[in-house]
Structures are given as C-alpha cells and as structure tokens.
Amino acid sequence: KSNQVRDLNKTKAEIERLRREKEGLREEIVLEKEIEFSEKLKAEKSKIRGTVEEEYTFKLRELEKQLDDQKELAAEMKRKADQGSVQLQGEVQELELERVLRELYVHDEIIEIKKGQRGADTIQCVRNPNGAECGKIYYESKRTKNFDAAWLKKLREDNQTVKADVLVLVTEAMPSGCDGYLFQDGIWICTFWQVRSLSMVL
C-alpha cells in the first residue's frame, strides 16, 4: 500500500507538473499569437500608410499638374487676348480710314483689301466728277507703338500688283525724330489725324 500511495502521489505530482506545463505552454502560445498578430497588424498599418501616402502623392501631383495646366491656359488666353486687342485696334483704324476717305471723296472708289488677302489695306481710285479715273492711292494702316522701317519695303512690294501712283503709310508710331508727315523711300508717312489734309494734297 505504501508503494501504491507513493506511486499515486508521484502520479498526482506528475499530473500537476503536466498541468502547469500545459498552462505555461498555453500562455506561451497566446503570447506568440499576440506577438504574431501585433506584427501582422503593424505590417498592415505600414502597408495601408504606404498606400495612402502613395495615393496622396499621386493626388497631389495630379492637382499640381492641373494647376500648371491652368496657369499655362491662363497665360495663353492672356496672350491671345492681348494679340486680339492689338489686331482689333488695327482693324478699327483701317475701318475708320475707309470711312474718312468715303466721306471726303464721294466720287472716288474706296476698295477694302479683305483680311487674308495679300496686300495693304485700302485702295483709293481717284475719279473726277465725270467718273474718269485719275490715278490710285494705296494706303497701309499701322497701329502699333513702334515704327518698323520694314513696312515701307513691304508696301512697295505689295504695290507691284496694284501699281498705284501714290503710296501712303498711316501709322500711330512715326519714325524717330519726326513730328509731321514726311516723304521717305517713295512713300508718304503720316498719322491718322494727318491723313485728311495729306490726302487732299495728294
């Protein structure tokens, strides 16, 4: 019996030891799982953060690109508006020149050179009261801030087709040092406000 009691106590002790090991093993497994879960969670967070940062970076780049495109578009629109404004000013002076000539010379034929056609702006076919043609005056109208001597050469080249008797450059910007109208390289040069008196003389 003593041996049996001893064996029983030994067995109980072994069972208790195994139970403690089992509890310890369970706690160890739980700890490992917790650590593994934490690592996975950290990895997922890092992945999500990376994805979000990547999406944010792309979104930021898209917005920057849109902003750059809008700036370029605004600059292009401003450039076209400025260019259109200059063209409009020039066209207004051309139309006013034609109106003045028609008003002053009711017997003459005032011919407009259409946009896109080669040549200057206006041809004045001078006629006497009987309708006979006496000659032609060829007008080029310029409304810019700076005078360009190349205008004179172009007007002479354009006249090779028209073959007018008199060439007139009506310009807002006169040659340097010139206050009144002048005759230069075979062309009369005057401002719009001088064209009435000059045209009468011509």
N, C-alpha and C. Protein backbone atom coordinates (compact mmCIF):
# COMPACT_ATOMS: atom_id res chain seq x y z
N LYS A 1 0.82 -1.19 0.00
CA LYS A 1 0.00 0.00 0.00
C LYS A 1 0.86 1.25 0.00
N SER A 2 1.91 1.18 0.80
CA SER A 2 2.81 2.34 0.85
C SER A 2 3.36 2.64 -0.53
N ASN A 3 3.72 1.55 -1.21
CA ASN A 3 4.22 1.73 -2.58
C ASN A 3 3.15 2.31 -3.49
N GLN A 4 1.92 1.81 -3.34
CA GLN A 4 0.82 2.31 -4.16
C GLN A 4 0.54 3.78 -3.87
N VAL A 5 0.55 4.12 -2.56
CA VAL A 5 0.32 5.52 -2.17
C VAL A 5 1.42 6.40 -2.75
N ARG A 6 2.66 5.90 -2.64
CA ARG A 6 3.79 6.66 -3.18
C ARG A 6 3.65 6.86 -4.69
N ASP A 7 3.26 5.77 -5.37
CA ASP A 7 3.09 5.87 -6.84
C ASP A 7 1.96 6.83 -7.19
N LEU A 8 0.88 6.78 -6.38
CA LEU A 8 -0.26 7.66 -6.63
C LEU A 8 0.14 9.12 -6.45
N ASN A 9 0.86 9.38 -5.39
CA ASN A 9 1.32 10.76 -5.14
C ASN A 9 2.27 11.22 -6.25
N LYS A 10 3.12 10.31 -6.68
CA LYS A 10 4.04 10.64 -7.78
C LYS A 10 3.25 10.96 -9.04
N THR A 11 2.19 10.14 -9.26
CA THR A 11 1.36 10.35 -10.46
C THR A 11 0.65 11.70 -10.37
N LYS A 12 0.12 11.99 -9.17
CA LYS A 12 -0.55 13.29 -8.97
C LYS A 12 0.42 14.45 -9.20
N ALA A 13 1.61 14.28 -8.69
CA ALA A 13 2.62 15.32 -8.86
C ALA A 13 2.95 15.50 -10.34
N GLU A 14 3.06 14.34 -11.04
CA GLU A 14 3.34 14.42 -12.48
C GLU A 14 2.21 15.12 -13.23
N ILE A 15 0.96 14.78 -12.79
CA ILE A 15 -0.21 15.42 -13.42
C ILE A 15 -0.17 16.92 -13.18
N GLU A 16 0.14 17.34 -11.96
CA GLU A 16 0.22 18.76 -11.64
C GLU A 16 1.31 19.44 -12.46
N ARG A 17 2.46 18.73 -12.60
CA ARG A 17 3.55 19.29 -13.40
C ARG A 17 3.13 19.46 -14.85
N LEU A 18 2.45 18.40 -15.35
CA LEU A 18 1.99 18.47 -16.75
C LEU A 18 0.95 19.57 -16.93
N ARG A 19 0.10 19.73 -15.89
CA ARG A 19 -0.93 20.79 -15.98
C ARG A 19 -0.26 22.16 -16.01
N ARG A 20 0.77 22.35 -15.17
CA ARG A 20 1.50 23.62 -15.16
C ARG A 20 2.20 23.87 -16.49
N GLU A 21 2.82 22.77 -17.01
CA GLU A 21 3.49 22.92 -18.32
C GLU A 21 2.48 23.28 -19.41
N LYS A 22 1.29 22.62 -19.31
CA LYS A 22 0.25 22.90 -20.28
C LYS A 22 -0.20 24.35 -20.20
N GLU A 23 -0.40 24.81 -18.94
CA GLU A 23 -0.80 26.21 -18.75
C GLU A 23 0.29 27.15 -19.26
N GLY A 24 1.55 26.80 -18.94
CA GLY A 24 2.65 27.62 -19.41
C GLY A 24 2.76 27.64 -20.93
N LEU A 25 2.53 26.41 -21.50
CA LEU A 25 2.58 26.32 -22.96
C LEU A 25 1.47 27.13 -23.60
N ARG A 26 0.27 27.03 -22.96
CA ARG A 26 -0.86 27.81 -23.49
C ARG A 26 -0.56 29.30 -23.44
N GLU A 27 -0.01 29.75 -22.32
CA GLU A 27 0.34 31.17 -22.19
C GLU A 27 1.41 31.57 -23.21
N GLU A 28 2.36 30.65 -23.44
CA GLU A 28 3.43 30.92 -24.41
C GLU A 28 2.85 31.03 -25.82
N ILE A 29 1.91 30.09 -26.14
CA ILE A 29 1.26 30.12 -27.46
C ILE A 29 0.46 31.40 -27.63
N VAL A 30 -0.28 31.77 -26.57
CA VAL A 30 -1.07 33.00 -26.62
C VAL A 30 -0.15 34.20 -26.83
N LEU A 31 0.98 34.22 -26.12
CA LEU A 31 1.93 35.31 -26.26
C LEU A 31 2.49 35.38 -27.69
N GLU A 32 2.84 34.18 -28.21
CA GLU A 32 3.36 34.14 -29.58
C GLU A 32 2.32 34.64 -30.58
N LYS A 33 1.07 34.20 -30.37
CA LYS A 33 -0.01 34.64 -31.27
C LYS A 33 -0.22 36.15 -31.16
N GLU A 34 -0.15 36.65 -29.92
CA GLU A 34 -0.30 38.10 -29.72
C GLU A 34 0.81 38.85 -30.45
N ILE A 35 2.04 38.33 -30.29
CA ILE A 35 3.18 38.97 -30.96
C ILE A 35 3.01 38.89 -32.47
N GLU A 36 2.61 37.69 -32.96
CA GLU A 36 2.42 37.50 -34.40
C GLU A 36 1.32 38.43 -34.93
N PHE A 37 0.23 38.54 -34.17
CA PHE A 37 -0.87 39.42 -34.56
C PHE A 37 -0.43 40.89 -34.58
N SER A 38 0.35 41.24 -33.54
CA SER A 38 0.85 42.61 -33.48
C SER A 38 1.74 42.93 -34.67
N GLU A 39 2.60 41.96 -35.05
CA GLU A 39 3.48 42.15 -36.20
C GLU A 39 2.68 42.28 -37.48
N LYS A 40 1.65 41.41 -37.62
CA LYS A 40 0.80 41.49 -38.80
C LYS A 40 0.05 42.83 -38.86
N LEU A 41 -0.45 43.23 -37.66
CA LEU A 41 -1.17 44.49 -37.59
C LEU A 41 -0.26 45.66 -37.95
N LYS A 42 0.98 45.59 -37.44
CA LYS A 42 1.95 46.64 -37.75
C LYS A 42 2.25 46.67 -39.25
N ALA A 43 2.40 45.46 -39.84
CA ALA A 43 2.69 45.36 -41.27
C ALA A 43 1.53 45.91 -42.10
N GLU A 44 0.29 45.56 -41.68
CA GLU A 44 -0.88 46.05 -42.40
C GLU A 44 -1.00 47.57 -42.30
N LYS A 45 -0.73 48.08 -41.08
CA LYS A 45 -0.77 49.53 -40.90
C LYS A 45 0.25 50.22 -41.79
N SER A 46 1.47 49.62 -41.82
CA SER A 46 2.53 50.18 -42.66
C SER A 46 2.13 50.13 -44.13
N LYS A 47 1.51 49.00 -44.54
CA LYS A 47 1.06 48.84 -45.92
C LYS A 47 -0.01 49.87 -46.26
N ILE A 48 -0.99 49.99 -45.33
CA ILE A 48 -2.07 50.96 -45.54
C ILE A 48 -1.51 52.37 -45.61
N ARG A 49 -0.57 52.67 -44.67
CA ARG A 49 0.04 54.00 -44.65
C ARG A 49 0.76 54.27 -45.98
N GLY A 50 1.51 53.23 -46.44
CA GLY A 50 2.22 53.39 -47.72
C GLY A 50 1.25 53.61 -48.87
N THR A 51 0.15 52.86 -48.87
CA THR A 51 -0.85 53.01 -49.94
C THR A 51 -1.48 54.39 -49.90
N VAL A 52 -1.83 54.82 -48.67
CA VAL A 52 -2.45 56.15 -48.52
C VAL A 52 -1.48 57.24 -48.95
N GLU A 53 -0.23 57.12 -48.51
CA GLU A 53 0.78 58.12 -48.89
C GLU A 53 1.00 58.13 -50.39
N GLU A 54 0.98 56.93 -50.99
CA GLU A 54 1.15 56.84 -52.44
C GLU A 54 -0.02 57.50 -53.15
N GLU A 55 -1.24 57.18 -52.68
CA GLU A 55 -2.43 57.80 -53.28
C GLU A 55 -2.41 59.32 -53.07
N TYR A 56 -2.00 59.74 -51.90
CA TYR A 56 -1.92 61.18 -51.61
C TYR A 56 -0.89 61.85 -52.51
N THR A 57 0.25 61.16 -52.69
CA THR A 57 1.30 61.71 -53.56
C THR A 57 0.80 61.87 -54.98
N PHE A 58 0.13 60.81 -55.49
CA PHE A 58 -0.41 60.89 -56.85
C PHE A 58 -1.48 61.98 -56.96
N LYS A 59 -2.32 62.06 -55.93
CA LYS A 59 -3.37 63.08 -55.95
C LYS A 59 -2.76 64.47 -55.92
N LEU A 60 -1.72 64.63 -55.11
CA LEU A 60 -1.04 65.92 -55.03
C LEU A 60 -0.40 66.27 -56.37
N ARG A 61 0.23 65.28 -57.01
CA ARG A 61 0.85 65.52 -58.32
C ARG A 61 -0.21 65.86 -59.37
N GLU A 62 -1.37 65.19 -59.29
CA GLU A 62 -2.45 65.50 -60.22
C GLU A 62 -2.92 66.94 -60.05
N LEU A 63 -3.08 67.36 -58.80
CA LEU A 63 -3.52 68.73 -58.53
C LEU A 63 -2.48 69.74 -59.00
N GLU A 64 -1.20 69.42 -58.75
CA GLU A 64 -0.12 70.31 -59.22
C GLU A 64 -0.12 70.41 -60.74
N LYS A 65 -0.33 69.25 -61.41
CA LYS A 65 -0.38 69.24 -62.88
C LYS A 65 -1.57 70.07 -63.38
N GLN A 66 -2.73 69.90 -62.74
CA GLN A 66 -3.91 70.69 -63.13
C GLN A 66 -3.65 72.18 -62.95
N LEU A 67 -2.98 72.51 -61.84
CA LEU A 67 -2.67 73.92 -61.58
C LEU A 67 -1.73 74.47 -62.64
N ASP A 68 -0.69 73.69 -62.99
CA ASP A 68 0.24 74.13 -64.04
C ASP A 68 -0.48 74.30 -65.37
N ASP A 69 -1.37 73.34 -65.68
CA ASP A 69 -2.13 73.43 -66.93
C ASP A 69 -3.01 74.66 -66.95
N GLN A 70 -3.63 74.96 -65.81
CA GLN A 70 -4.49 76.14 -65.72
C GLN A 70 -3.69 77.43 -65.89
N LYS A 71 -2.47 77.43 -65.30
CA LYS A 71 -1.61 78.61 -65.45
C LYS A 71 -1.22 78.81 -66.91
N GLU A 72 -0.85 77.69 -67.58
CA GLU A 72 -0.49 77.78 -68.99
C GLU A 72 -1.67 78.24 -69.83
N LEU A 73 -2.86 77.71 -69.50
CA LEU A 73 -4.07 78.10 -70.23
C LEU A 73 -4.37 79.57 -70.03
N ALA A 74 -4.24 80.04 -68.78
CA ALA A 74 -4.49 81.45 -68.49
C ALA A 74 -3.50 82.35 -69.21
N ALA A 75 -2.22 81.92 -69.24
CA ALA A 75 -1.20 82.70 -69.94
C ALA A 75 -1.48 82.74 -71.43
N GLU A 76 -1.90 81.59 -71.99
CA GLU A 76 -2.21 81.53 -73.43
C GLU A 76 -3.41 82.40 -73.76
N MET A 77 -4.44 82.35 -72.89
CA MET A 77 -5.63 83.17 -73.11
C MET A 77 -5.29 84.66 -73.02
N LYS A 78 -4.41 85.01 -72.08
CA LYS A 78 -4.00 86.40 -71.95
C LYS A 78 -3.22 86.85 -73.18
N ARG A 79 -2.33 85.96 -73.66
CA ARG A 79 -1.55 86.28 -74.85
C ARG A 79 -2.46 86.49 -76.06
N LYS A 80 -3.43 85.58 -76.21
CA LYS A 80 -4.37 85.70 -77.34
C LYS A 80 -5.24 86.94 -77.19
N ALA A 81 -5.63 87.24 -75.94
CA ALA A 81 -6.44 88.44 -75.71
C ALA A 81 -5.66 89.70 -76.05
N ASP A 82 -4.37 89.72 -75.63
CA ASP A 82 -3.53 90.88 -75.96
C ASP A 82 -3.33 91.00 -77.46
N GLN A 83 -3.09 89.84 -78.09
CA GLN A 83 -2.89 89.84 -79.54
C GLN A 83 -4.17 90.27 -80.24
N GLY A 84 -5.30 89.74 -79.75
CA GLY A 84 -6.59 90.11 -80.34
C GLY A 84 -6.88 91.58 -80.16
N SER A 85 -6.47 92.13 -79.00
CA SER A 85 -6.68 93.54 -78.74
C SER A 85 -5.89 94.40 -79.72
N VAL A 86 -4.64 94.01 -79.99
CA VAL A 86 -3.81 94.75 -80.95
C VAL A 86 -4.41 94.66 -82.34
N GLN A 87 -4.84 93.46 -82.74
CA GLN A 87 -5.46 93.27 -84.05
C GLN A 87 -6.74 94.09 -84.16
N LEU A 88 -7.53 94.08 -83.08
CA LEU A 88 -8.78 94.83 -83.08
C LEU A 88 -8.51 96.32 -83.25
N GLN A 89 -7.51 96.83 -82.54
CA GLN A 89 -7.17 98.25 -82.66
C GLN A 89 -6.77 98.59 -84.09
N GLY A 90 -5.98 97.69 -84.70
CA GLY A 90 -5.57 97.91 -86.08
C GLY A 90 -6.75 97.91 -87.03
N GLU A 91 -7.68 96.97 -86.84
CA GLU A 91 -8.86 96.88 -87.70
C GLU A 91 -9.75 98.10 -87.55
N VAL A 92 -9.86 98.61 -86.33
CA VAL A 92 -10.68 99.80 -86.09
C VAL A 92 -10.11 100.99 -86.86
N GLN A 93 -8.78 101.14 -86.85
CA GLN A 93 -8.17 102.26 -87.59
C GLN A 93 -8.38 102.08 -89.10
N GLU A 94 -8.27 100.84 -89.60
CA GLU A 94 -8.49 100.59 -91.03
C GLU A 94 -9.91 100.99 -91.43
N LEU A 95 -10.90 100.56 -90.64
CA LEU A 95 -12.29 100.87 -90.94
C LEU A 95 -12.55 102.38 -90.88
N GLU A 96 -11.94 103.03 -89.91
CA GLU A 96 -12.13 104.48 -89.77
C GLU A 96 -11.45 105.22 -90.93
N LEU A 97 -10.31 104.71 -91.39
CA LEU A 97 -9.64 105.31 -92.54
C LEU A 97 -10.53 105.23 -93.78
N GLU A 98 -11.13 104.06 -94.00
CA GLU A 98 -12.04 103.90 -95.14
C GLU A 98 -13.24 104.84 -95.02
N ARG A 99 -13.79 104.96 -93.82
CA ARG A 99 -14.94 105.84 -93.62
C ARG A 99 -14.59 107.29 -93.93
N VAL A 100 -13.41 107.73 -93.45
CA VAL A 100 -12.97 109.11 -93.69
C VAL A 100 -12.80 109.36 -95.18
N LEU A 101 -12.18 108.43 -95.90
CA LEU A 101 -11.94 108.60 -97.34
C LEU A 101 -13.26 108.65 -98.11
N ARG A 102 -14.21 107.78 -97.75
CA ARG A 102 -15.51 107.78 -98.44
C ARG A 102 -16.27 109.08 -98.16
N GLU A 103 -16.10 109.59 -96.95
CA GLU A 103 -16.78 110.83 -96.57
C GLU A 103 -16.19 112.02 -97.31
N LEU A 104 -14.86 112.04 -97.47
CA LEU A 104 -14.19 113.18 -98.11
C LEU A 104 -14.31 113.15 -99.63
N TYR A 105 -14.29 111.93 -100.20
CA TYR A 105 -14.20 111.84 -101.66
C TYR A 105 -15.34 110.97 -102.19
N VAL A 106 -16.48 111.61 -102.36
CA VAL A 106 -17.70 110.88 -102.73
C VAL A 106 -17.63 110.32 -104.15
N HIS A 107 -16.81 110.91 -105.03
CA HIS A 107 -16.71 110.43 -106.41
C HIS A 107 -15.72 109.26 -106.52
N ASP A 108 -14.84 109.12 -105.54
CA ASP A 108 -13.79 108.10 -105.63
C ASP A 108 -14.31 106.73 -105.21
N GLU A 109 -13.62 105.71 -105.69
CA GLU A 109 -13.94 104.33 -105.30
C GLU A 109 -12.94 103.92 -104.22
N ILE A 110 -13.46 103.60 -103.05
CA ILE A 110 -12.61 103.17 -101.93
C ILE A 110 -12.73 101.65 -101.83
N ILE A 111 -11.62 100.96 -102.07
CA ILE A 111 -11.63 99.50 -102.12
C ILE A 111 -10.91 98.94 -100.89
N GLU A 112 -11.60 98.10 -100.14
CA GLU A 112 -11.01 97.46 -98.95
C GLU A 112 -10.30 96.17 -99.36
N ILE A 113 -9.08 95.99 -98.90
CA ILE A 113 -8.37 94.72 -99.10
C ILE A 113 -8.81 93.79 -97.97
N LYS A 114 -9.49 92.72 -98.31
CA LYS A 114 -10.05 91.82 -97.31
C LYS A 114 -8.96 91.12 -96.49
N LYS A 115 -9.32 90.74 -95.29
CA LYS A 115 -8.40 90.00 -94.43
C LYS A 115 -8.04 88.67 -95.08
N GLY A 116 -6.76 88.34 -95.02
CA GLY A 116 -6.29 87.10 -95.62
C GLY A 116 -5.78 87.29 -97.03
N GLN A 117 -6.14 88.41 -97.65
CA GLN A 117 -5.62 88.69 -98.99
C GLN A 117 -4.28 89.39 -98.88
N ARG A 118 -3.41 89.11 -99.85
CA ARG A 118 -2.09 89.73 -99.85
C ARG A 118 -2.23 91.19 -100.22
N GLY A 119 -1.51 92.05 -99.52
CA GLY A 119 -1.52 93.46 -99.87
C GLY A 119 -1.73 94.35 -98.67
N ALA A 120 -1.78 95.66 -98.93
CA ALA A 120 -2.00 96.64 -97.86
C ALA A 120 -3.48 96.64 -97.48
N ASP A 121 -4.01 97.80 -97.08
CA ASP A 121 -5.36 97.80 -96.52
C ASP A 121 -6.42 98.43 -97.42
N THR A 122 -6.09 99.53 -98.07
CA THR A 122 -7.11 100.29 -98.80
C THR A 122 -6.55 100.87 -100.10
N ILE A 123 -7.36 100.81 -101.16
CA ILE A 123 -7.01 101.44 -102.43
C ILE A 123 -8.04 102.54 -102.70
N GLN A 124 -7.54 103.72 -103.00
CA GLN A 124 -8.42 104.83 -103.37
C GLN A 124 -8.25 105.10 -104.87
N CYS A 125 -9.28 104.76 -105.64
CA CYS A 125 -9.28 105.07 -107.08
C CYS A 125 -9.84 106.49 -107.24
N VAL A 126 -8.97 107.42 -107.53
CA VAL A 126 -9.37 108.83 -107.64
C VAL A 126 -10.08 109.04 -108.97
N ARG A 127 -11.31 109.61 -108.91
CA ARG A 127 -12.10 109.86 -110.11
C ARG A 127 -12.56 111.32 -110.13
N ASN A 128 -12.69 111.84 -111.35
CA ASN A 128 -13.22 113.20 -111.47
C ASN A 128 -14.75 113.13 -111.45
N PRO A 129 -15.42 114.27 -111.43
CA PRO A 129 -16.89 114.24 -111.37
C PRO A 129 -17.53 113.46 -112.51
N ASN A 130 -16.84 113.28 -113.62
CA ASN A 130 -17.39 112.51 -114.74
C ASN A 130 -17.16 111.01 -114.59
N GLY A 131 -16.46 110.62 -113.54
CA GLY A 131 -16.22 109.19 -113.29
C GLY A 131 -14.97 108.66 -113.91
N ALA A 132 -14.18 109.51 -114.56
CA ALA A 132 -12.93 109.04 -115.16
C ALA A 132 -11.86 108.87 -114.08
N GLU A 133 -11.13 107.77 -114.17
CA GLU A 133 -10.10 107.51 -113.16
C GLU A 133 -8.87 108.36 -113.43
N CYS A 134 -8.40 109.02 -112.38
CA CYS A 134 -7.24 109.90 -112.49
C CYS A 134 -5.97 109.26 -111.92
N GLY A 135 -6.11 108.24 -111.12
CA GLY A 135 -4.96 107.58 -110.50
C GLY A 135 -5.38 106.80 -109.26
N LYS A 136 -4.41 106.15 -108.63
CA LYS A 136 -4.69 105.34 -107.45
C LYS A 136 -3.78 105.74 -106.30
N ILE A 137 -4.36 105.75 -105.10
CA ILE A 137 -3.58 105.96 -103.87
C ILE A 137 -3.71 104.67 -103.04
N TYR A 138 -2.60 104.15 -102.62
CA TYR A 138 -2.56 102.87 -101.90
C TYR A 138 -2.20 103.15 -100.44
N TYR A 139 -3.09 102.76 -99.51
CA TYR A 139 -2.92 103.05 -98.08
C TYR A 139 -2.59 101.77 -97.30
N GLU A 140 -1.62 101.90 -96.43
CA GLU A 140 -1.32 100.85 -95.43
C GLU A 140 -1.51 101.47 -94.06
N SER A 141 -2.29 100.79 -93.21
CA SER A 141 -2.60 101.32 -91.88
C SER A 141 -1.89 100.49 -90.81
N LYS A 142 -1.18 101.17 -89.90
CA LYS A 142 -0.49 100.51 -88.80
C LYS A 142 -0.81 101.22 -87.49
N ARG A 143 -1.15 100.41 -86.48
CA ARG A 143 -1.45 101.00 -85.18
C ARG A 143 -0.68 100.25 -84.10
N THR A 144 0.60 100.49 -84.06
CA THR A 144 1.46 99.87 -83.05
C THR A 144 2.30 100.94 -82.37
N LYS A 145 2.98 100.56 -81.31
CA LYS A 145 3.73 101.53 -80.51
C LYS A 145 5.09 101.86 -81.10
N ASN A 146 5.62 101.00 -81.97
CA ASN A 146 6.96 101.20 -82.51
C ASN A 146 6.93 101.18 -84.04
N PHE A 147 7.66 102.11 -84.63
CA PHE A 147 7.74 102.19 -86.08
C PHE A 147 8.72 101.14 -86.60
N ASP A 148 8.36 100.49 -87.73
CA ASP A 148 9.21 99.47 -88.33
C ASP A 148 9.47 99.86 -89.79
N ALA A 149 10.73 100.09 -90.11
CA ALA A 149 11.09 100.51 -91.47
C ALA A 149 10.76 99.43 -92.50
N ALA A 150 10.61 98.19 -92.07
CA ALA A 150 10.28 97.10 -92.99
C ALA A 150 8.90 97.29 -93.62
N TRP A 151 8.04 98.07 -92.97
CA TRP A 151 6.71 98.35 -93.53
C TRP A 151 6.83 99.01 -94.91
N LEU A 152 7.82 99.88 -95.06
CA LEU A 152 7.98 100.61 -96.31
C LEU A 152 8.31 99.65 -97.45
N LYS A 153 9.24 98.74 -97.19
CA LYS A 153 9.63 97.76 -98.22
C LYS A 153 8.43 96.90 -98.61
N LYS A 154 7.68 96.45 -97.61
CA LYS A 154 6.53 95.58 -97.88
C LYS A 154 5.48 96.32 -98.70
N LEU A 155 5.24 97.60 -98.37
CA LEU A 155 4.23 98.37 -99.11
C LEU A 155 4.65 98.52 -100.57
N ARG A 156 5.92 98.75 -100.83
CA ARG A 156 6.40 98.86 -102.21
C ARG A 156 6.24 97.52 -102.95
N GLU A 157 6.52 96.42 -102.24
CA GLU A 157 6.37 95.09 -102.85
C GLU A 157 4.91 94.80 -103.15
N ASP A 158 4.01 95.15 -102.22
CA ASP A 158 2.58 94.94 -102.44
C ASP A 158 2.08 95.76 -103.63
N ASN A 159 2.68 96.92 -103.83
CA ASN A 159 2.23 97.81 -104.91
C ASN A 159 2.63 97.30 -106.29
N GLN A 160 3.51 96.32 -106.36
CA GLN A 160 3.88 95.77 -107.66
C GLN A 160 2.68 95.14 -108.35
N THR A 161 1.72 94.70 -107.54
CA THR A 161 0.49 94.12 -108.09
C THR A 161 -0.55 95.20 -108.36
N VAL A 162 -0.71 96.12 -107.39
CA VAL A 162 -1.74 97.16 -107.50
C VAL A 162 -1.34 98.24 -108.52
N LYS A 163 -0.04 98.55 -108.53
CA LYS A 163 0.51 99.59 -109.41
C LYS A 163 -0.17 100.95 -109.17
N ALA A 164 -0.25 101.33 -107.88
CA ALA A 164 -0.81 102.64 -107.52
C ALA A 164 0.20 103.74 -107.83
N ASP A 165 -0.32 104.98 -107.99
CA ASP A 165 0.54 106.12 -108.30
C ASP A 165 1.17 106.71 -107.04
N VAL A 166 0.45 106.61 -105.92
CA VAL A 166 0.91 107.21 -104.66
C VAL A 166 0.77 106.17 -103.55
N LEU A 167 1.78 106.07 -102.67
CA LEU A 167 1.74 105.14 -101.54
C LEU A 167 1.72 105.95 -100.24
N VAL A 168 0.83 105.54 -99.33
CA VAL A 168 0.69 106.25 -98.06
C VAL A 168 0.70 105.24 -96.91
N LEU A 169 1.55 105.50 -95.92
CA LEU A 169 1.59 104.69 -94.70
C LEU A 169 0.98 105.52 -93.57
N VAL A 170 -0.17 105.07 -93.07
CA VAL A 170 -0.84 105.75 -91.96
C VAL A 170 -0.47 104.99 -90.69
N THR A 171 0.28 105.65 -89.80
CA THR A 171 0.82 104.93 -88.64
C THR A 171 0.69 105.75 -87.36
N GLU A 172 0.45 105.06 -86.28
CA GLU A 172 0.40 105.70 -84.96
C GLU A 172 1.80 106.06 -84.49
N ALA A 173 2.77 105.18 -84.78
CA ALA A 173 4.17 105.41 -84.38
C ALA A 173 4.94 105.95 -85.57
N MET A 174 5.40 107.18 -85.48
CA MET A 174 6.17 107.81 -86.56
C MET A 174 7.65 107.46 -86.43
N PRO A 175 8.42 107.62 -87.52
CA PRO A 175 9.86 107.40 -87.42
C PRO A 175 10.49 108.31 -86.37
N SER A 176 11.59 107.89 -85.80
CA SER A 176 12.25 108.64 -84.74
C SER A 176 12.62 110.05 -85.20
N GLY A 177 12.29 111.01 -84.36
CA GLY A 177 12.63 112.41 -84.63
C GLY A 177 11.71 113.10 -85.60
N CYS A 178 10.61 112.47 -85.99
CA CYS A 178 9.67 113.06 -86.96
C CYS A 178 8.40 113.48 -86.24
N ASP A 179 8.02 114.74 -86.43
CA ASP A 179 6.79 115.26 -85.80
C ASP A 179 5.62 115.32 -86.79
N GLY A 180 5.90 115.77 -88.03
CA GLY A 180 4.84 115.88 -89.03
C GLY A 180 5.00 114.80 -90.08
N TYR A 181 4.08 114.81 -91.08
CA TYR A 181 4.17 113.79 -92.13
C TYR A 181 5.40 114.05 -92.99
N LEU A 182 5.89 112.99 -93.63
CA LEU A 182 7.10 113.11 -94.43
C LEU A 182 7.06 112.14 -95.61
N PHE A 183 7.94 112.37 -96.58
CA PHE A 183 8.07 111.53 -97.76
C PHE A 183 9.40 110.78 -97.65
N GLN A 184 9.32 109.43 -97.57
CA GLN A 184 10.54 108.65 -97.36
C GLN A 184 10.49 107.39 -98.22
N ASP A 185 11.57 107.16 -98.96
CA ASP A 185 11.70 105.96 -99.82
C ASP A 185 10.50 105.79 -100.73
N GLY A 186 10.00 106.90 -101.28
CA GLY A 186 8.88 106.83 -102.23
C GLY A 186 7.53 106.66 -101.59
N ILE A 187 7.42 106.83 -100.26
CA ILE A 187 6.16 106.62 -99.54
C ILE A 187 5.89 107.81 -98.63
N TRP A 188 4.63 108.29 -98.67
CA TRP A 188 4.21 109.33 -97.72
C TRP A 188 3.87 108.66 -96.39
N ILE A 189 4.38 109.23 -95.29
CA ILE A 189 4.14 108.69 -93.95
C ILE A 189 3.44 109.76 -93.12
N CYS A 190 2.33 109.39 -92.50
CA CYS A 190 1.59 110.35 -91.66
C CYS A 190 0.82 109.61 -90.58
N THR A 191 0.32 110.36 -89.60
CA THR A 191 -0.54 109.79 -88.57
C THR A 191 -1.98 109.78 -89.09
N PHE A 192 -2.83 109.09 -88.37
CA PHE A 192 -4.24 109.03 -88.78
C PHE A 192 -4.86 110.42 -88.78
N TRP A 193 -4.45 111.27 -87.85
CA TRP A 193 -5.05 112.61 -87.74
C TRP A 193 -4.52 113.55 -88.81
N GLN A 194 -3.46 113.17 -89.52
CA GLN A 194 -2.93 113.99 -90.61
C GLN A 194 -3.40 113.52 -91.98
N VAL A 195 -4.07 112.36 -92.03
CA VAL A 195 -4.38 111.77 -93.33
C VAL A 195 -5.41 112.59 -94.10
N ARG A 196 -6.28 113.29 -93.44
CA ARG A 196 -7.28 114.13 -94.14
C ARG A 196 -6.58 115.18 -94.97
N SER A 197 -5.72 115.99 -94.32
CA SER A 197 -5.06 117.08 -95.04
C SER A 197 -4.09 116.56 -96.08
N LEU A 198 -3.35 115.48 -95.78
CA LEU A 198 -2.39 114.95 -96.72
C LEU A 198 -3.08 114.37 -97.95
N SER A 199 -4.17 113.61 -97.72
CA SER A 199 -4.87 113.01 -98.83
C SER A 199 -5.44 114.04 -99.77
N MET A 200 -5.89 115.19 -99.24
CA MET A 200 -6.41 116.26 -100.09
C MET A 200 -5.31 116.78 -101.02
N VAL A 201 -4.10 116.95 -100.48
CA VAL A 201 -2.97 117.43 -101.28
C VAL A 201 -2.61 116.38 -102.35
N LEU A 202 -2.59 115.14 -101.93
CA LEU A 202 -2.22 114.07 -102.88
C LEU A 202 -3.24 113.93 -104.00
